[in-house]
Amino acid sequence: MDAKRRMGEAMGRLLTKKPLKCISVEELVRESGVTRDAYDRTFASMTELAHYEPRYPGQQKLVRSSL
């Protein structure tokens, strides 16, 4: 599984537990199993990740557009 997908799935799990503003990058990379460098190369911000449009069958968008 690629890093982008792993981070997207991890963000989805974390968002079921707490709001976006309470999720740290460190928590996200720990949950997803990717490095901080992978996060930095892939997304400019946590908000960008939260709005990530999945390109995988069966995966849903993480948050609604009303952040």
PDB file of N, CA and C in Angstrom:
ATOM      1  N   MET A   1       0.859  -1.171   0.000  1.00  0.00           N
ATOM      2  CA  MET A   1       0.000   0.000   0.000  1.00  0.00           C
ATOM      3  C   MET A   1       0.908   1.239   0.000  1.00  0.00           C
ATOM      4  N   ASP A   2       0.553   2.221  -0.800  1.00  0.00           N
ATOM      5  CA  ASP A   2       1.400   3.418  -0.873  1.00  0.00           C
ATOM      6  C   ASP A   2       1.161   4.354   0.319  1.00  0.00           C
ATOM      7  N   ALA A   3       2.112   5.258   0.514  1.00  0.00           N
ATOM      8  CA  ALA A   3       2.081   6.155   1.678  1.00  0.00           C
ATOM      9  C   ALA A   3       0.846   7.040   1.685  1.00  0.00           C
ATOM     10  N   LYS A   4       0.446   7.545   0.526  1.00  0.00           N
ATOM     11  CA  LYS A   4      -0.714   8.437   0.461  1.00  0.00           C
ATOM     12  C   LYS A   4      -1.968   7.714   0.943  1.00  0.00           C
ATOM     13  N   ARG A   5      -2.130   6.502   0.496  1.00  0.00           N
ATOM     14  CA  ARG A   5      -3.306   5.727   0.901  1.00  0.00           C
ATOM     15  C   ARG A   5      -3.246   5.403   2.393  1.00  0.00           C
ATOM     16  N   ARG A   6      -2.071   5.032   2.881  1.00  0.00           N
ATOM     17  CA  ARG A   6      -1.929   4.719   4.299  1.00  0.00           C
ATOM     18  C   ARG A   6      -2.246   5.928   5.169  1.00  0.00           C
ATOM     19  N   MET A   7      -1.774   7.101   4.751  1.00  0.00           N
ATOM     20  CA  MET A   7      -2.075   8.316   5.513  1.00  0.00           C
ATOM     21  C   MET A   7      -3.560   8.645   5.440  1.00  0.00           C
ATOM     22  N   GLY A   8      -4.167   8.459   4.276  1.00  0.00           N
ATOM     23  CA  GLY A   8      -5.599   8.715   4.139  1.00  0.00           C
ATOM     24  C   GLY A   8      -6.427   7.819   5.034  1.00  0.00           C
ATOM     25  N   GLU A   9      -6.079   6.544   5.076  1.00  0.00           N
ATOM     26  CA  GLU A   9      -6.813   5.617   5.928  1.00  0.00           C
ATOM     27  C   GLU A   9      -6.586   5.928   7.405  1.00  0.00           C
ATOM     28  N   ALA A  10      -5.352   6.276   7.756  1.00  0.00           N
ATOM     29  CA  ALA A  10      -5.058   6.631   9.150  1.00  0.00           C
ATOM     30  C   ALA A  10      -5.821   7.891   9.551  1.00  0.00           C
ATOM     31  N   MET A  11      -5.871   8.886   8.659  1.00  0.00           N
ATOM     32  CA  MET A  11      -6.613  10.108   8.961  1.00  0.00           C
ATOM     33  C   MET A  11      -8.086   9.782   9.171  1.00  0.00           C
ATOM     34  N   GLY A  12      -8.639   8.920   8.354  1.00  0.00           N
ATOM     35  CA  GLY A  12     -10.035   8.517   8.525  1.00  0.00           C
ATOM     36  C   GLY A  12     -10.286   7.902   9.889  1.00  0.00           C
ATOM     37  N   ARG A  13      -9.375   7.033  10.328  1.00  0.00           N
ATOM     38  CA  ARG A  13      -9.525   6.420  11.660  1.00  0.00           C
ATOM     39  C   ARG A  13      -9.426   7.465  12.757  1.00  0.00           C
ATOM     40  N   LEU A  14      -8.451   8.367  12.643  1.00  0.00           N
ATOM     41  CA  LEU A  14      -8.263   9.389  13.673  1.00  0.00           C
ATOM     42  C   LEU A  14      -9.444  10.349  13.744  1.00  0.00           C
ATOM     43  N   LEU A  15     -10.020  10.676  12.587  1.00  0.00           N
ATOM     44  CA  LEU A  15     -11.154  11.604  12.563  1.00  0.00           C
ATOM     45  C   LEU A  15     -12.403  11.019  13.216  1.00  0.00           C
ATOM     46  N   THR A  16     -12.463   9.708  13.358  1.00  0.00           N
ATOM     47  CA  THR A  16     -13.606   9.109  14.069  1.00  0.00           C
ATOM     48  C   THR A  16     -13.465   9.285  15.576  1.00  0.00           C
ATOM     49  N   LYS A  17     -12.238   9.631  16.019  1.00  0.00           N
ATOM     50  CA  LYS A  17     -11.975   9.766  17.452  1.00  0.00           C
ATOM     51  C   LYS A  17     -11.914  11.206  17.931  1.00  0.00           C
ATOM     52  N   LYS A  18     -11.477  12.124  17.039  1.00  0.00           N
ATOM     53  CA  LYS A  18     -11.294  13.516  17.460  1.00  0.00           C
ATOM     54  C   LYS A  18     -11.334  14.437  16.253  1.00  0.00           C
ATOM     55  N   PRO A  19     -11.540  15.737  16.471  1.00  0.00           N
ATOM     56  CA  PRO A  19     -11.590  16.683  15.354  1.00  0.00           C
ATOM     57  C   PRO A  19     -10.197  16.904  14.747  1.00  0.00           C
ATOM     58  N   LEU A  20     -10.189  17.376  13.522  1.00  0.00           N
ATOM     59  CA  LEU A  20      -8.951  17.594  12.787  1.00  0.00           C
ATOM     60  C   LEU A  20      -7.962  18.467  13.545  1.00  0.00           C
ATOM     61  N   LYS A  21      -8.449  19.540  14.155  1.00  0.00           N
ATOM     62  CA  LYS A  21      -7.544  20.470  14.836  1.00  0.00           C
ATOM     63  C   LYS A  21      -6.827  19.831  16.022  1.00  0.00           C
ATOM     64  N   CYS A  22      -7.278  18.683  16.478  1.00  0.00           N
ATOM     65  CA  CYS A  22      -6.658  17.999  17.607  1.00  0.00           C
ATOM     66  C   CYS A  22      -5.728  16.858  17.179  1.00  0.00           C
ATOM     67  N   ILE A  23      -5.567  16.652  15.882  1.00  0.00           N
ATOM     68  CA  ILE A  23      -4.710  15.579  15.374  1.00  0.00           C
ATOM     69  C   ILE A  23      -3.366  16.173  14.963  1.00  0.00           C
ATOM     70  N   SER A  24      -2.298  15.651  15.514  1.00  0.00           N
ATOM     71  CA  SER A  24      -0.965  16.144  15.178  1.00  0.00           C
ATOM     72  C   SER A  24      -0.369  15.321  14.028  1.00  0.00           C
ATOM     73  N   VAL A  25       0.601  15.918  13.368  1.00  0.00           N
ATOM     74  CA  VAL A  25       1.301  15.199  12.300  1.00  0.00           C
ATOM     75  C   VAL A  25       2.005  13.974  12.890  1.00  0.00           C
ATOM     76  N   GLU A  26       2.581  14.120  14.055  1.00  0.00           N
ATOM     77  CA  GLU A  26       3.270  13.007  14.704  1.00  0.00           C
ATOM     78  C   GLU A  26       2.318  11.845  14.955  1.00  0.00           C
ATOM     79  N   GLU A  27       1.119  12.165  15.404  1.00  0.00           N
ATOM     80  CA  GLU A  27       0.110  11.132  15.646  1.00  0.00           C
ATOM     81  C   GLU A  27      -0.292  10.460  14.333  1.00  0.00           C
ATOM     82  N   LEU A  28      -0.446  11.257  13.292  1.00  0.00           N
ATOM     83  CA  LEU A  28      -0.815  10.714  11.987  1.00  0.00           C
ATOM     84  C   LEU A  28       0.255   9.769  11.449  1.00  0.00           C
ATOM     85  N   VAL A  29       1.516  10.176  11.491  1.00  0.00           N
ATOM     86  CA  VAL A  29       2.560   9.310  10.939  1.00  0.00           C
ATOM     87  C   VAL A  29       2.723   8.046  11.778  1.00  0.00           C
ATOM     88  N   ARG A  30       2.533   8.149  13.068  1.00  0.00           N
ATOM     89  CA  ARG A  30       2.585   6.956  13.931  1.00  0.00           C
ATOM     90  C   ARG A  30       1.454   6.001  13.571  1.00  0.00           C
ATOM     91  N   GLU A  31       0.250   6.527  13.410  1.00  0.00           N
ATOM     92  CA  GLU A  31      -0.925   5.702  13.075  1.00  0.00           C
ATOM     93  C   GLU A  31      -0.806   5.076  11.693  1.00  0.00           C
ATOM     94  N   SER A  32      -0.231   5.811  10.750  1.00  0.00           N
ATOM     95  CA  SER A  32      -0.157   5.324   9.369  1.00  0.00           C
ATOM     96  C   SER A  32       1.072   4.467   9.101  1.00  0.00           C
ATOM     97  N   GLY A  33       2.109   4.611   9.934  1.00  0.00           N
ATOM     98  CA  GLY A  33       3.322   3.836   9.726  1.00  0.00           C
ATOM     99  C   GLY A  33       4.231   4.394   8.635  1.00  0.00           C
ATOM    100  N   VAL A  34       4.030   5.646   8.255  1.00  0.00           N
ATOM    101  CA  VAL A  34       4.906   6.287   7.271  1.00  0.00           C
ATOM    102  C   VAL A  34       5.829   7.266   7.992  1.00  0.00           C
ATOM    103  N   THR A  35       6.819   7.759   7.294  1.00  0.00           N
ATOM    104  CA  THR A  35       7.750   8.704   7.902  1.00  0.00           C
ATOM    105  C   THR A  35       7.226  10.130   7.794  1.00  0.00           C
ATOM    106  N   ARG A  36       7.779  10.994   8.605  1.00  0.00           N
ATOM    107  CA  ARG A  36       7.428  12.414   8.529  1.00  0.00           C
ATOM    108  C   ARG A  36       7.816  12.975   7.160  1.00  0.00           C
ATOM    109  N   ASP A  37       8.946  12.518   6.632  1.00  0.00           N
ATOM    110  CA  ASP A  37       9.370  12.961   5.302  1.00  0.00           C
ATOM    111  C   ASP A  37       8.339  12.582   4.236  1.00  0.00           C
ATOM    112  N   ALA A  38       7.764  11.392   4.352  1.00  0.00           N
ATOM    113  CA  ALA A  38       6.742  10.968   3.385  1.00  0.00           C
ATOM    114  C   ALA A  38       5.523  11.884   3.476  1.00  0.00           C
ATOM    115  N   TYR A  39       5.135  12.240   4.692  1.00  0.00           N
ATOM    116  CA  TYR A  39       4.014  13.171   4.871  1.00  0.00           C
ATOM    117  C   TYR A  39       4.343  14.518   4.230  1.00  0.00           C
ATOM    118  N   ASP A  40       5.530  15.047   4.525  1.00  0.00           N
ATOM    119  CA  ASP A  40       5.924  16.363   4.008  1.00  0.00           C
ATOM    120  C   ASP A  40       5.995  16.391   2.481  1.00  0.00           C
ATOM    121  N   ARG A  41       6.428  15.298   1.871  1.00  0.00           N
ATOM    122  CA  ARG A  41       6.496  15.231   0.409  1.00  0.00           C
ATOM    123  C   ARG A  41       5.112  15.117  -0.237  1.00  0.00           C
ATOM    124  N   THR A  42       4.162  14.554   0.487  1.00  0.00           N
ATOM    125  CA  THR A  42       2.865  14.224  -0.095  1.00  0.00           C
ATOM    126  C   THR A  42       1.800  15.292   0.129  1.00  0.00           C
ATOM    127  N   PHE A  43       1.772  15.886   1.302  1.00  0.00           N
ATOM    128  CA  PHE A  43       0.731  16.859   1.651  1.00  0.00           C
ATOM    129  C   PHE A  43       1.344  18.132   2.213  1.00  0.00           C
ATOM    130  N   ALA A  44       0.750  19.267   1.883  1.00  0.00           N
ATOM    131  CA  ALA A  44       1.229  20.561   2.383  1.00  0.00           C
ATOM    132  C   ALA A  44       0.694  20.852   3.786  1.00  0.00           C
ATOM    133  N   SER A  45      -0.428  20.214   4.151  1.00  0.00           N
ATOM    134  CA  SER A  45      -1.033  20.475   5.457  1.00  0.00           C
ATOM    135  C   SER A  45      -1.965  19.331   5.838  1.00  0.00           C
ATOM    136  N   MET A  46      -2.352  19.320   7.096  1.00  0.00           N
ATOM    137  CA  MET A  46      -3.313  18.316   7.561  1.00  0.00           C
ATOM    138  C   MET A  46      -4.669  18.549   6.899  1.00  0.00           C
ATOM    139  N   THR A  47      -5.012  19.805   6.656  1.00  0.00           N
ATOM    140  CA  THR A  47      -6.276  20.106   5.990  1.00  0.00           C
ATOM    141  C   THR A  47      -6.285  19.545   4.578  1.00  0.00           C
ATOM    142  N   GLU A  48      -5.165  19.667   3.868  1.00  0.00           N
ATOM    143  CA  GLU A  48      -5.085  19.091   2.526  1.00  0.00           C
ATOM    144  C   GLU A  48      -5.289  17.577   2.582  1.00  0.00           C
ATOM    145  N   LEU A  49      -4.677  16.932   3.544  1.00  0.00           N
ATOM    146  CA  LEU A  49      -4.862  15.487   3.701  1.00  0.00           C
ATOM    147  C   LEU A  49      -6.319  15.166   4.016  1.00  0.00           C
ATOM    148  N   ALA A  50      -6.944  15.946   4.884  1.00  0.00           N
ATOM    149  CA  ALA A  50      -8.339  15.692   5.251  1.00  0.00           C
ATOM    150  C   ALA A  50      -9.276  15.836   4.052  1.00  0.00           C
ATOM    151  N   HIS A  51      -8.892  16.663   3.092  1.00  0.00           N
ATOM    152  CA  HIS A  51      -9.700  16.851   1.888  1.00  0.00           C
ATOM    153  C   HIS A  51      -9.262  15.952   0.738  1.00  0.00           C
ATOM    154  N   TYR A  52      -8.310  15.081   1.006  1.00  0.00           N
ATOM    155  CA  TYR A  52      -7.781  14.169  -0.001  1.00  0.00           C
ATOM    156  C   TYR A  52      -8.912  13.370  -0.637  1.00  0.00           C
ATOM    157  N   GLU A  53      -8.949  13.394  -1.953  1.00  0.00           N
ATOM    158  CA  GLU A  53      -9.939  12.626  -2.708  1.00  0.00           C
ATOM    159  C   GLU A  53      -9.342  11.262  -3.032  1.00  0.00           C
ATOM    160  N   PRO A  54      -9.824  10.218  -2.400  1.00  0.00           N
ATOM    161  CA  PRO A  54      -9.257   8.890  -2.643  1.00  0.00           C
ATOM    162  C   PRO A  54      -9.441   8.438  -4.083  1.00  0.00           C
ATOM    163  N   ARG A  55      -8.503   7.693  -4.553  1.00  0.00           N
ATOM    164  CA  ARG A  55      -8.554   7.169  -5.912  1.00  0.00           C
ATOM    165  C   ARG A  55      -8.584   5.643  -5.909  1.00  0.00           C
ATOM    166  N   TYR A  56      -8.990   5.080  -4.779  1.00  0.00           N
ATOM    167  CA  TYR A  56      -8.997   3.640  -4.630  1.00  0.00           C
ATOM    168  C   TYR A  56     -10.432   3.142  -4.500  1.00  0.00           C
ATOM    169  N   PRO A  57     -10.766   2.037  -5.150  1.00  0.00           N
ATOM    170  CA  PRO A  57     -12.134   1.499  -5.059  1.00  0.00           C
ATOM    171  C   PRO A  57     -12.514   1.230  -3.606  1.00  0.00           C
ATOM    172  N   GLY A  58     -13.693   1.660  -3.240  1.00  0.00           N
ATOM    173  CA  GLY A  58     -14.207   1.395  -1.905  1.00  0.00           C
ATOM    174  C   GLY A  58     -13.773   2.376  -0.836  1.00  0.00           C
ATOM    175  N   GLN A  59     -12.795   3.232  -1.115  1.00  0.00           N
ATOM    176  CA  GLN A  59     -12.357   4.206  -0.117  1.00  0.00           C
ATOM    177  C   GLN A  59     -13.216   5.450  -0.237  1.00  0.00           C
ATOM    178  N   GLN A  60     -13.599   6.021   0.871  1.00  0.00           N
ATOM    179  CA  GLN A  60     -14.462   7.193   0.875  1.00  0.00           C
ATOM    180  C   GLN A  60     -13.668   8.449   1.174  1.00  0.00           C
ATOM    181  N   LYS A  61     -14.208   9.592   0.756  1.00  0.00           N
ATOM    182  CA  LYS A  61     -13.609  10.872   1.094  1.00  0.00           C
ATOM    183  C   LYS A  61     -13.585  10.998   2.613  1.00  0.00           C
ATOM    184  N   LEU A  62     -12.529  11.592   3.153  1.00  0.00           N
ATOM    185  CA  LEU A  62     -12.348  11.622   4.593  1.00  0.00           C
ATOM    186  C   LEU A  62     -13.277  12.565   5.325  1.00  0.00           C
ATOM    187  N   VAL A  63     -13.427  13.786   4.832  1.00  0.00           N
ATOM    188  CA  VAL A  63     -14.280  14.757   5.515  1.00  0.00           C
ATOM    189  C   VAL A  63     -15.179  15.459   4.506  1.00  0.00           C
ATOM    190  N   ARG A  64     -16.219  16.038   5.025  1.00  0.00           N
ATOM    191  CA  ARG A  64     -17.083  16.858   4.172  1.00  0.00           C
ATOM    192  C   ARG A  64     -16.394  18.184   3.903  1.00  0.00           C
ATOM    193  N   SER A  65     -16.857  18.913   2.940  1.00  0.00           N
ATOM    194  CA  SER A  65     -16.220  20.164   2.565  1.00  0.00           C
ATOM    195  C   SER A  65     -16.395  21.277   3.590  1.00  0.00           C
ATOM    196  N   SER A  66     -17.119  21.043   4.646  1.00  0.00           N
ATOM    197  CA  SER A  66     -17.363  22.097   5.645  1.00  0.00           C
ATOM    198  C   SER A  66     -16.413  21.977   6.830  1.00  0.00           C
ATOM    199  N   LEU A  67     -15.120  22.128   6.597  1.00  0.00           N
ATOM    200  CA  LEU A  67     -14.149  22.075   7.694  1.00  0.00           C
ATOM    201  C   LEU A  67     -14.167  23.355   8.474  1.00  0.00           C
TER     202      LEU A  67
END
